[in-house]
Protein backbone atom coordinates (compact mmCIF):
# COMPACT_ATOMS: atom_id res chain seq x y z
CA UNK A 1 105.11 81.10 79.23
CA UNK A 2 105.91 79.95 82.81
CA UNK A 3 106.47 76.22 83.26
CA UNK A 4 103.46 75.75 85.61
CA UNK A 5 101.04 77.35 83.11
CA UNK A 6 102.26 74.99 80.37
CA UNK A 7 101.86 71.99 82.68
CA UNK A 8 98.29 72.96 83.61
CA UNK A 9 97.34 73.38 79.95
CA UNK A 10 98.83 70.00 79.04
CA UNK A 11 96.92 68.23 81.81
CA UNK A 12 93.55 69.63 80.84
CA UNK A 13 93.90 70.10 77.07
CA UNK A 14 90.80 68.61 75.43
CA UNK A 15 89.22 67.72 78.79
CA UNK A 16 85.96 69.22 80.04
CA UNK A 17 86.25 72.20 82.34
CA UNK A 18 86.40 71.54 86.07
CA UNK A 19 82.93 71.52 87.60
CA UNK A 20 81.24 70.16 84.45
CA UNK A 21 78.85 67.31 85.40
CA UNK A 22 79.63 63.73 84.51
CA UNK A 23 76.39 61.97 83.55
CA UNK A 24 76.22 58.20 84.02
CA UNK A 25 73.33 56.18 82.62
CA UNK A 26 72.98 52.98 84.67
CA UNK A 27 71.02 50.28 82.86
CA UNK A 28 69.28 47.50 84.77
CA UNK A 29 68.34 44.41 82.77
CA UNK A 30 67.04 40.94 83.46
CA UNK A 31 69.57 38.12 83.12
CA UNK A 32 68.52 34.72 81.71
CA UNK A 33 68.40 33.31 85.27
CA UNK A 34 65.93 36.05 86.32
CA UNK A 35 68.41 38.06 88.40
CA UNK A 36 69.19 41.72 87.76
CA UNK A 37 72.31 42.71 85.85
CA UNK A 38 73.71 46.19 85.33
CA UNK A 39 75.80 48.13 82.85
CA UNK A 40 76.55 51.81 82.37
CA UNK A 41 77.61 54.42 79.85
CA UNK A 42 78.99 57.83 80.79
CA UNK A 43 79.50 61.25 79.21
CA UNK A 44 80.26 64.87 80.06
CA UNK A 45 76.99 66.79 80.47
CA UNK A 46 75.35 66.79 77.00
CA UNK A 47 78.43 65.50 75.18
CA UNK A 48 78.98 62.22 73.34
CA UNK A 49 79.51 58.90 75.09
CA UNK A 50 82.90 58.45 76.75
CA UNK A 51 82.40 54.70 77.00
CA UNK A 52 81.11 51.90 79.16
CA UNK A 53 84.17 51.31 81.32
CA UNK A 54 85.83 53.27 84.09
CA UNK A 55 84.77 56.88 84.53
CA UNK A 56 87.92 58.94 84.02
CA UNK A 57 88.06 62.28 85.83
CA UNK A 58 91.06 64.20 84.44
CA UNK A 59 93.78 65.85 86.46
CA UNK A 60 92.89 69.43 87.35
CA UNK A 61 94.67 72.50 88.66
CA UNK A 62 94.43 73.17 92.39
CA UNK A 63 91.91 75.98 91.84
CA UNK A 64 89.51 73.93 89.67
CA UNK A 65 86.28 72.69 91.26
CA UNK A 66 85.47 69.02 91.68
CA UNK A 67 83.12 67.06 89.46
CA UNK A 68 79.36 66.62 89.98
CA UNK A 69 78.26 63.04 89.24
CA UNK A 70 74.69 62.40 88.03
CA UNK A 71 73.68 58.73 87.95
CA UNK A 72 70.43 58.11 86.01
CA UNK A 73 68.78 54.72 86.53
CA UNK A 74 67.28 53.19 83.37
CA UNK A 75 65.18 50.21 84.47
CA UNK A 76 64.98 47.90 81.45
CA UNK A 77 64.09 44.78 83.42
CA UNK A 78 61.43 42.47 82.02
CA UNK A 79 59.15 41.87 83.77
CA UNK A 80 59.54 45.32 85.34
CA UNK A 81 61.14 45.21 88.79
CA UNK A 82 60.51 48.95 89.35
CA UNK A 83 64.02 49.47 90.67
CA UNK A 84 64.90 52.69 92.48
CA UNK A 85 68.02 54.12 94.08
CA UNK A 86 67.85 53.39 97.80
CA UNK A 87 69.90 54.26 100.85
CA UNK A 88 71.41 51.15 102.40
CA UNK A 89 72.90 51.84 105.82
CA UNK A 90 72.42 55.55 105.10
CA UNK A 91 73.77 55.96 101.55
CA UNK A 92 72.83 54.92 97.99
CA UNK A 93 76.52 54.95 97.03
CA UNK A 94 79.33 53.31 98.99
CA UNK A 95 82.92 54.14 98.01
CA UNK A 96 86.22 52.36 98.71
CA UNK A 97 89.70 52.99 97.29
CA UNK A 98 91.51 50.30 95.35
CA UNK A 99 88.97 47.48 95.99
CA UNK A 100 85.28 46.79 95.47
CA UNK A 101 83.11 47.86 98.41
CA UNK A 102 81.85 44.91 100.44
CA UNK A 103 78.15 44.07 100.39
CA UNK A 104 77.65 44.04 104.15
CA UNK A 105 79.48 47.02 105.59
CA UNK A 106 79.10 50.60 104.41
CA UNK A 107 82.26 52.41 103.38
CA UNK A 108 82.86 56.03 102.47
CA UNK A 109 85.79 57.95 101.01
CA UNK A 110 86.39 61.71 101.37
CA UNK A 111 86.75 61.99 97.59
CA UNK A 112 82.96 61.45 97.30
CA UNK A 113 81.48 62.85 100.54
CA UNK A 114 78.22 61.12 101.52
CA UNK A 115 76.82 64.38 102.93
CA UNK A 116 76.89 65.79 99.38
CA UNK A 117 74.72 63.00 97.92
CA UNK A 118 71.05 63.45 97.07
CA UNK A 119 68.80 60.63 95.97
CA UNK A 120 65.49 60.41 94.19
CA UNK A 121 63.97 57.20 92.78
CA UNK A 122 65.76 57.38 89.40
CA UNK A 123 68.57 59.87 90.07
CA UNK A 124 71.56 59.92 92.40
CA UNK A 125 73.65 63.08 92.55
CA UNK A 126 77.08 62.94 94.14
CA UNK A 127 80.20 65.10 94.07
CA UNK A 128 83.76 63.96 93.35
CA UNK A 129 86.31 66.23 95.02
CA UNK A 130 89.01 64.84 92.68
CA UNK A 131 91.67 66.22 95.02
CA UNK A 132 93.85 63.10 94.94
CA UNK A 133 94.95 60.78 92.16
CA UNK A 134 93.35 57.44 93.01
CA UNK A 135 91.02 54.69 91.86
CA UNK A 136 87.62 54.73 93.53
CA UNK A 137 85.38 51.69 93.49
CA UNK A 138 81.77 52.37 94.25
CA UNK A 139 78.64 50.34 94.90
CA UNK A 140 75.29 51.77 93.88
CA UNK A 141 72.32 50.42 95.82
CA UNK A 142 68.86 49.74 94.40
CA UNK A 143 65.67 48.22 95.76
CA UNK A 144 62.78 46.76 93.76
CA UNK A 145 59.01 46.89 94.29
CA UNK A 146 59.20 43.76 96.50
CA UNK A 147 61.95 45.14 98.75
CA UNK A 148 64.73 43.06 97.15
CA UNK A 149 68.17 44.70 97.09
CA UNK A 150 70.49 44.85 94.09
CA UNK A 151 73.90 46.50 93.71
CA UNK A 152 76.28 47.55 90.96
CA UNK A 153 79.98 48.25 91.54
CA UNK A 154 82.09 49.87 88.77
CA UNK A 155 84.95 52.36 89.32
CA UNK A 156 86.20 55.91 88.84
CA UNK A 157 89.77 56.88 88.01
CA UNK A 158 90.52 60.25 89.62
CA UNK A 159 93.30 62.30 88.10
CA UNK A 160 93.62 64.46 91.23
CA UNK A 161 94.93 68.02 91.30
CA UNK A 162 98.35 69.54 90.74
């Protein structure tokens, strides 16, 4: 077997096929002080949970497609805040490499192109090119029934392509 074929198999052995959606459940809850807190759990399409930490997109071959990202908002606040995904300065998801996105100035990264995002009240769809190995920090934006903004900022570890 040629060396490159062996390398490609090793990098993707046991990983979901390129192009398979990563589903992220984002949970909003009420903190003891009344503010909104967030957590998340992610998985590959209909598969089992992959955890509550960083989303890990595996290394792919150059011909593999990127990864669709589906963020589902689960509003578990009490009393209900009726949170929804909302575009702040034109996007519901801001992305910055190697550091958390600031709260005041929108930032984008070509790994997750803003023109490929679609938003509905409880679902944000984005696309991760995964063309470079890097750590992407992202801020998801939400607004409640009173117009109050809330944000959540975890990260994605991109494996890139060989």
